[in-house]
């Protein structure tokens, strides 16, 4: 299985939408996306990519395994 790699904010949002999430919506200091009752907080867009450790935490919060993420 290939290793996770850093991803851009745009690619993260696009992949989460393909996996059934809606948004992103504004909420407090950070954006969030919804799928059913699941609500995940995503980082604000910035110049750099989203690192591997933060990506892992986002995927864990969303209940998405690596195989599903790589297929999205």
PDB file of N, CA and C in Angstrom:
ATOM      1  N   UNK A   1       0.852  -1.171   0.000  1.00  0.00           N
ATOM      2  CA  UNK A   1       0.000   0.000   0.000  1.00  0.00           C
ATOM      3  C   UNK A   1       0.897   1.232   0.000  1.00  0.00           C
ATOM      4  N   UNK A   2       0.655   2.181  -0.917  1.00  0.00           N
ATOM      5  CA  UNK A   2       1.495   3.384  -0.954  1.00  0.00           C
ATOM      6  C   UNK A   2       1.300   4.231   0.294  1.00  0.00           C
ATOM      7  N   UNK A   3       2.345   4.946   0.634  1.00  0.00           N
ATOM      8  CA  UNK A   3       2.292   5.802   1.822  1.00  0.00           C
ATOM      9  C   UNK A   3       1.399   7.010   1.555  1.00  0.00           C
ATOM     10  N   UNK A   4       0.793   7.523   2.617  1.00  0.00           N
ATOM     11  CA  UNK A   4       0.051   8.775   2.497  1.00  0.00           C
ATOM     12  C   UNK A   4       1.027   9.878   2.133  1.00  0.00           C
ATOM     13  N   UNK A   5       0.539  10.875   1.434  1.00  0.00           N
ATOM     14  CA  UNK A   5       1.406  11.994   1.076  1.00  0.00           C
ATOM     15  C   UNK A   5       0.688  13.297   1.374  1.00  0.00           C
ATOM     16  N   UNK A   6       1.421  14.375   1.578  1.00  0.00           N
ATOM     17  CA  UNK A   6       0.773  15.661   1.820  1.00  0.00           C
ATOM     18  C   UNK A   6      -0.180  15.998   0.674  1.00  0.00           C
ATOM     19  N   UNK A   7      -1.240  16.729   0.997  1.00  0.00           N
ATOM     20  CA  UNK A   7      -2.239  17.077  -0.007  1.00  0.00           C
ATOM     21  C   UNK A   7      -2.642  18.536   0.149  1.00  0.00           C
ATOM     22  N   UNK A   8      -3.114  19.120  -0.909  1.00  0.00           N
ATOM     23  CA  UNK A   8      -3.558  20.513  -0.848  1.00  0.00           C
ATOM     24  C   UNK A   8      -4.965  20.587  -0.266  1.00  0.00           C
ATOM     25  N   UNK A   9      -5.329  21.755   0.188  1.00  0.00           N
ATOM     26  CA  UNK A   9      -6.669  21.975   0.729  1.00  0.00           C
ATOM     27  C   UNK A   9      -7.716  21.662  -0.337  1.00  0.00           C
ATOM     28  N   UNK A  10      -7.489  22.110  -1.548  1.00  0.00           N
ATOM     29  CA  UNK A  10      -8.429  21.890  -2.651  1.00  0.00           C
ATOM     30  C   UNK A  10      -8.639  20.397  -2.910  1.00  0.00           C
ATOM     31  N   UNK A  11      -7.538  19.625  -2.931  1.00  0.00           N
ATOM     32  CA  UNK A  11      -7.646  18.181  -3.166  1.00  0.00           C
ATOM     33  C   UNK A  11      -8.346  17.475  -2.009  1.00  0.00           C
ATOM     34  N   UNK A  12      -8.098  17.917  -0.770  1.00  0.00           N
ATOM     35  CA  UNK A  12      -8.755  17.338   0.397  1.00  0.00           C
ATOM     36  C   UNK A  12     -10.267  17.533   0.304  1.00  0.00           C
ATOM     37  N   UNK A  13     -10.696  18.750   0.020  1.00  0.00           N
ATOM     38  CA  UNK A  13     -12.127  19.045  -0.075  1.00  0.00           C
ATOM     39  C   UNK A  13     -12.756  18.249  -1.217  1.00  0.00           C
ATOM     40  N   UNK A  14     -12.097  18.193  -2.361  1.00  0.00           N
ATOM     41  CA  UNK A  14     -12.641  17.460  -3.505  1.00  0.00           C
ATOM     42  C   UNK A  14     -12.796  15.975  -3.189  1.00  0.00           C
ATOM     43  N   UNK A  15     -11.794  15.381  -2.538  1.00  0.00           N
ATOM     44  CA  UNK A  15     -11.866  13.957  -2.203  1.00  0.00           C
ATOM     45  C   UNK A  15     -12.963  13.695  -1.177  1.00  0.00           C
ATOM     46  N   UNK A  16     -13.094  14.560  -0.184  1.00  0.00           N
ATOM     47  CA  UNK A  16     -14.146  14.381   0.817  1.00  0.00           C
ATOM     48  C   UNK A  16     -15.528  14.512   0.184  1.00  0.00           C
ATOM     49  N   UNK A  17     -15.672  15.393  -0.787  1.00  0.00           N
ATOM     50  CA  UNK A  17     -16.955  15.504  -1.493  1.00  0.00           C
ATOM     51  C   UNK A  17     -17.260  14.217  -2.263  1.00  0.00           C
ATOM     52  N   UNK A  18     -16.254  13.647  -2.901  1.00  0.00           N
ATOM     53  CA  UNK A  18     -16.457  12.377  -3.615  1.00  0.00           C
ATOM     54  C   UNK A  18     -16.848  11.264  -2.649  1.00  0.00           C
ATOM     55  N   UNK A  19     -16.449  11.378  -1.400  1.00  0.00           N
ATOM     56  CA  UNK A  19     -16.778  10.372  -0.390  1.00  0.00           C
ATOM     57  C   UNK A  19     -18.094  10.679   0.328  1.00  0.00           C
ATOM     58  N   UNK A  20     -18.835  11.667  -0.164  1.00  0.00           N
ATOM     59  CA  UNK A  20     -20.174  11.921   0.364  1.00  0.00           C
ATOM     60  C   UNK A  20     -20.312  13.063   1.344  1.00  0.00           C
ATOM     61  N   UNK A  21     -19.252  13.804   1.595  1.00  0.00           N
ATOM     62  CA  UNK A  21     -19.337  14.942   2.511  1.00  0.00           C
ATOM     63  C   UNK A  21     -19.849  16.172   1.773  1.00  0.00           C
ATOM     64  N   UNK A  22     -20.534  17.042   2.496  1.00  0.00           N
ATOM     65  CA  UNK A  22     -21.026  18.303   1.953  1.00  0.00           C
ATOM     66  C   UNK A  22     -20.262  19.446   2.598  1.00  0.00           C
ATOM     67  N   UNK A  23     -20.118  20.522   1.871  1.00  0.00           N
ATOM     68  CA  UNK A  23     -19.427  21.679   2.417  1.00  0.00           C
ATOM     69  C   UNK A  23     -18.220  22.020   1.577  1.00  0.00           C
ATOM     70  N   UNK A  24     -17.327  22.758   2.105  1.00  0.00           N
ATOM     71  CA  UNK A  24     -17.140  23.173   3.490  1.00  0.00           C
ATOM     72  C   UNK A  24     -18.032  24.354   3.880  1.00  0.00           C
ATOM     73  N   UNK A  25     -18.368  24.360   5.161  1.00  0.00           N
ATOM     74  CA  UNK A  25     -19.186  25.409   5.752  1.00  0.00           C
ATOM     75  C   UNK A  25     -18.342  26.177   6.760  1.00  0.00           C
ATOM     76  N   UNK A  26     -18.664  27.456   6.930  1.00  0.00           N
ATOM     77  CA  UNK A  26     -17.963  28.275   7.920  1.00  0.00           C
ATOM     78  C   UNK A  26     -18.501  27.938   9.303  1.00  0.00           C
ATOM     79  N   UNK A  27     -17.582  27.873  10.266  1.00  0.00           N
ATOM     80  CA  UNK A  27     -18.000  27.595  11.630  1.00  0.00           C
ATOM     81  C   UNK A  27     -16.895  27.952  12.598  1.00  0.00           C
ATOM     82  N   UNK A  28     -17.010  29.065  13.246  1.00  0.00           N
ATOM     83  CA  UNK A  28     -15.973  29.468  14.194  1.00  0.00           C
ATOM     84  C   UNK A  28     -14.679  29.807  13.476  1.00  0.00           C
ATOM     85  N   UNK A  29     -13.582  29.254  13.962  1.00  0.00           N
ATOM     86  CA  UNK A  29     -12.271  29.555  13.392  1.00  0.00           C
ATOM     87  C   UNK A  29     -11.917  28.675  12.205  1.00  0.00           C
ATOM     88  N   UNK A  30     -12.588  27.521  12.066  1.00  0.00           N
ATOM     89  CA  UNK A  30     -12.251  26.584  11.001  1.00  0.00           C
ATOM     90  C   UNK A  30     -13.484  26.181  10.209  1.00  0.00           C
ATOM     91  N   UNK A  31     -13.236  25.710   9.010  1.00  0.00           N
ATOM     92  CA  UNK A  31     -14.295  25.189   8.164  1.00  0.00           C
ATOM     93  C   UNK A  31     -14.647  23.773   8.613  1.00  0.00           C
ATOM     94  N   UNK A  32     -15.846  23.315   8.268  1.00  0.00           N
ATOM     95  CA  UNK A  32     -16.215  21.940   8.564  1.00  0.00           C
ATOM     96  C   UNK A  32     -17.016  21.368   7.410  1.00  0.00           C
ATOM     97  N   UNK A  33     -17.073  20.046   7.340  1.00  0.00           N
ATOM     98  CA  UNK A  33     -17.838  19.334   6.326  1.00  0.00           C
ATOM     99  C   UNK A  33     -18.721  18.318   7.026  1.00  0.00           C
ATOM    100  N   UNK A  34     -19.857  17.998   6.396  1.00  0.00           N
ATOM    101  CA  UNK A  34     -20.847  17.109   6.992  1.00  0.00           C
ATOM    102  C   UNK A  34     -21.148  15.924   6.084  1.00  0.00           C
ATOM    103  N   UNK A  35     -21.385  14.783   6.712  1.00  0.00           N
ATOM    104  CA  UNK A  35     -21.923  13.598   6.030  1.00  0.00           C
ATOM    105  C   UNK A  35     -22.811  12.909   7.053  1.00  0.00           C
ATOM    106  N   UNK A  36     -24.118  13.005   6.846  1.00  0.00           N
ATOM    107  CA  UNK A  36     -25.042  12.472   7.843  1.00  0.00           C
ATOM    108  C   UNK A  36     -24.860  13.215   9.147  1.00  0.00           C
ATOM    109  N   UNK A  37     -24.586  12.468  10.221  1.00  0.00           N
ATOM    110  CA  UNK A  37     -24.353  13.102  11.522  1.00  0.00           C
ATOM    111  C   UNK A  37     -22.868  13.351  11.781  1.00  0.00           C
ATOM    112  N   UNK A  38     -22.017  12.905  10.876  1.00  0.00           N
ATOM    113  CA  UNK A  38     -20.574  13.106  11.035  1.00  0.00           C
ATOM    114  C   UNK A  38     -20.201  14.532  10.641  1.00  0.00           C
ATOM    115  N   UNK A  39     -19.452  15.175  11.501  1.00  0.00           N
ATOM    116  CA  UNK A  39     -18.974  16.542  11.254  1.00  0.00           C
ATOM    117  C   UNK A  39     -17.469  16.534  11.441  1.00  0.00           C
ATOM    118  N   UNK A  40     -16.743  16.902  10.395  1.00  0.00           N
ATOM    119  CA  UNK A  40     -15.285  16.937  10.511  1.00  0.00           C
ATOM    120  C   UNK A  40     -14.797  18.365  10.292  1.00  0.00           C
ATOM    121  N   UNK A  41     -13.827  18.737  11.078  1.00  0.00           N
ATOM    122  CA  UNK A  41     -13.211  20.052  10.974  1.00  0.00           C
ATOM    123  C   UNK A  41     -12.028  19.934  10.030  1.00  0.00           C
ATOM    124  N   UNK A  42     -11.947  20.859   9.090  1.00  0.00           N
ATOM    125  CA  UNK A  42     -10.832  20.848   8.153  1.00  0.00           C
ATOM    126  C   UNK A  42     -10.037  22.138   8.322  1.00  0.00           C
ATOM    127  N   UNK A  43      -8.753  22.090   8.015  1.00  0.00           N
ATOM    128  CA  UNK A  43      -7.926  23.281   8.190  1.00  0.00           C
ATOM    129  C   UNK A  43      -8.298  24.370   7.182  1.00  0.00           C
ATOM    130  N   UNK A  44      -8.045  25.602   7.569  1.00  0.00           N
ATOM    131  CA  UNK A  44      -8.269  26.722   6.665  1.00  0.00           C
ATOM    132  C   UNK A  44      -7.294  26.639   5.503  1.00  0.00           C
ATOM    133  N   UNK A  45      -7.704  27.119   4.338  1.00  0.00           N
ATOM    134  CA  UNK A  45      -6.783  27.105   3.195  1.00  0.00           C
ATOM    135  C   UNK A  45      -5.577  28.002   3.479  1.00  0.00           C
ATOM    136  N   UNK A  46      -4.431  27.528   3.094  1.00  0.00           N
ATOM    137  CA  UNK A  46      -3.209  28.312   3.261  1.00  0.00           C
ATOM    138  C   UNK A  46      -2.246  27.925   2.153  1.00  0.00           C
ATOM    139  N   UNK A  47      -1.091  28.538   2.142  1.00  0.00           N
ATOM    140  CA  UNK A  47      -0.162  28.363   1.033  1.00  0.00           C
ATOM    141  C   UNK A  47       0.414  26.952   0.937  1.00  0.00           C
ATOM    142  N   UNK A  48       0.626  26.297   2.066  1.00  0.00           N
ATOM    143  CA  UNK A  48       1.278  24.989   2.034  1.00  0.00           C
ATOM    144  C   UNK A  48       0.291  23.837   1.996  1.00  0.00           C
ATOM    145  N   UNK A  49       0.835  22.648   1.806  1.00  0.00           N
ATOM    146  CA  UNK A  49       0.023  21.436   1.809  1.00  0.00           C
ATOM    147  C   UNK A  49      -0.325  21.004   3.229  1.00  0.00           C
ATOM    148  N   UNK A  50      -1.355  20.162   3.344  1.00  0.00           N
ATOM    149  CA  UNK A  50      -1.745  19.567   4.615  1.00  0.00           C
ATOM    150  C   UNK A  50      -0.834  18.380   4.837  1.00  0.00           C
ATOM    151  N   UNK A  51      -0.141  18.364   5.968  1.00  0.00           N
ATOM    152  CA  UNK A  51       0.844  17.327   6.265  1.00  0.00           C
ATOM    153  C   UNK A  51       0.213  15.968   6.529  1.00  0.00           C
ATOM    154  N   UNK A  52       1.047  14.958   6.538  1.00  0.00           N
ATOM    155  CA  UNK A  52       0.595  13.579   6.704  1.00  0.00           C
ATOM    156  C   UNK A  52      -0.059  13.354   8.060  1.00  0.00           C
ATOM    157  N   UNK A  53       0.522  13.884   9.132  1.00  0.00           N
ATOM    158  CA  UNK A  53      -0.049  13.640  10.462  1.00  0.00           C
ATOM    159  C   UNK A  53      -1.429  14.286  10.595  1.00  0.00           C
ATOM    160  N   UNK A  54      -1.612  15.493  10.079  1.00  0.00           N
ATOM    161  CA  UNK A  54      -2.919  16.140  10.128  1.00  0.00           C
ATOM    162  C   UNK A  54      -3.908  15.402   9.228  1.00  0.00           C
ATOM    163  N   UNK A  55      -3.463  14.963   8.072  1.00  0.00           N
ATOM    164  CA  UNK A  55      -4.330  14.194   7.173  1.00  0.00           C
ATOM    165  C   UNK A  55      -4.812  12.917   7.852  1.00  0.00           C
ATOM    166  N   UNK A  56      -3.924  12.222   8.566  1.00  0.00           N
ATOM    167  CA  UNK A  56      -4.324  11.016   9.296  1.00  0.00           C
ATOM    168  C   UNK A  56      -5.406  11.322  10.333  1.00  0.00           C
ATOM    169  N   UNK A  57      -5.243  12.418  11.052  1.00  0.00           N
ATOM    170  CA  UNK A  57      -6.245  12.788  12.070  1.00  0.00           C
ATOM    171  C   UNK A  57      -7.589  13.131  11.440  1.00  0.00           C
ATOM    172  N   UNK A  58      -7.569  13.823  10.304  1.00  0.00           N
ATOM    173  CA  UNK A  58      -8.806  14.159   9.606  1.00  0.00           C
ATOM    174  C   UNK A  58      -9.510  12.893   9.135  1.00  0.00           C
ATOM    175  N   UNK A  59      -8.750  11.967   8.553  1.00  0.00           N
ATOM    176  CA  UNK A  59      -9.340  10.715   8.066  1.00  0.00           C
ATOM    177  C   UNK A  59      -9.897   9.884   9.215  1.00  0.00           C
ATOM    178  N   UNK A  60      -9.192   9.856  10.330  1.00  0.00           N
ATOM    179  CA  UNK A  60      -9.674   9.115  11.501  1.00  0.00           C
ATOM    180  C   UNK A  60     -10.970   9.731  12.017  1.00  0.00           C
ATOM    181  N   UNK A  61     -11.023  11.054  12.100  1.00  0.00           N
ATOM    182  CA  UNK A  61     -12.215  11.760  12.552  1.00  0.00           C
ATOM    183  C   UNK A  61     -13.391  11.479  11.613  1.00  0.00           C
ATOM    184  N   UNK A  62     -13.109  11.349  10.316  1.00  0.00           N
ATOM    185  CA  UNK A  62     -14.157  11.118   9.324  1.00  0.00           C
ATOM    186  C   UNK A  62     -14.547   9.652   9.216  1.00  0.00           C
ATOM    187  N   UNK A  63     -13.763   8.755   9.821  1.00  0.00           N
ATOM    188  CA  UNK A  63     -14.054   7.334   9.728  1.00  0.00           C
ATOM    189  C   UNK A  63     -13.698   6.761   8.368  1.00  0.00           C
ATOM    190  N   UNK A  64     -12.673   7.308   7.734  1.00  0.00           N
ATOM    191  CA  UNK A  64     -12.248   6.872   6.401  1.00  0.00           C
ATOM    192  C   UNK A  64     -10.940   6.109   6.531  1.00  0.00           C
ATOM    193  N   UNK A  65     -10.897   4.890   5.997  1.00  0.00           N
ATOM    194  CA  UNK A  65      -9.642   4.128   6.042  1.00  0.00           C
ATOM    195  C   UNK A  65      -8.758   4.501   4.848  1.00  0.00           C
ATOM    196  N   UNK A  66      -7.501   4.094   4.919  1.00  0.00           N
ATOM    197  CA  UNK A  66      -6.532   4.473   3.881  1.00  0.00           C
ATOM    198  C   UNK A  66      -6.939   3.970   2.510  1.00  0.00           C
ATOM    199  N   UNK A  67      -7.438   2.752   2.444  1.00  0.00           N
ATOM    200  CA  UNK A  67      -7.821   2.184   1.151  1.00  0.00           C
ATOM    201  C   UNK A  67      -8.925   3.022   0.503  1.00  0.00           C
ATOM    202  N   UNK A  68      -9.929   3.408   1.270  1.00  0.00           N
ATOM    203  CA  UNK A  68     -11.021   4.234   0.758  1.00  0.00           C
ATOM    204  C   UNK A  68     -10.494   5.588   0.323  1.00  0.00           C
ATOM    205  N   UNK A  69      -9.589   6.170   1.115  1.00  0.00           N
ATOM    206  CA  UNK A  69      -9.006   7.470   0.777  1.00  0.00           C
ATOM    207  C   UNK A  69      -8.235   7.411  -0.535  1.00  0.00           C
ATOM    208  N   UNK A  70      -7.466   6.348  -0.715  1.00  0.00           N
ATOM    209  CA  UNK A  70      -6.663   6.234  -1.937  1.00  0.00           C
ATOM    210  C   UNK A  70      -7.525   6.011  -3.172  1.00  0.00           C
ATOM    211  N   UNK A  71      -8.726   5.462  -3.001  1.00  0.00           N
ATOM    212  CA  UNK A  71      -9.623   5.242  -4.123  1.00  0.00           C
ATOM    213  C   UNK A  71     -10.409   6.503  -4.495  1.00  0.00           C
ATOM    214  N   UNK A  72     -10.475   7.476  -3.582  1.00  0.00           N
ATOM    215  CA  UNK A  72     -11.297   8.689  -3.809  1.00  0.00           C
ATOM    216  C   UNK A  72     -10.641   9.647  -4.787  1.00  0.00           C
TER     217      UNK A  72
END
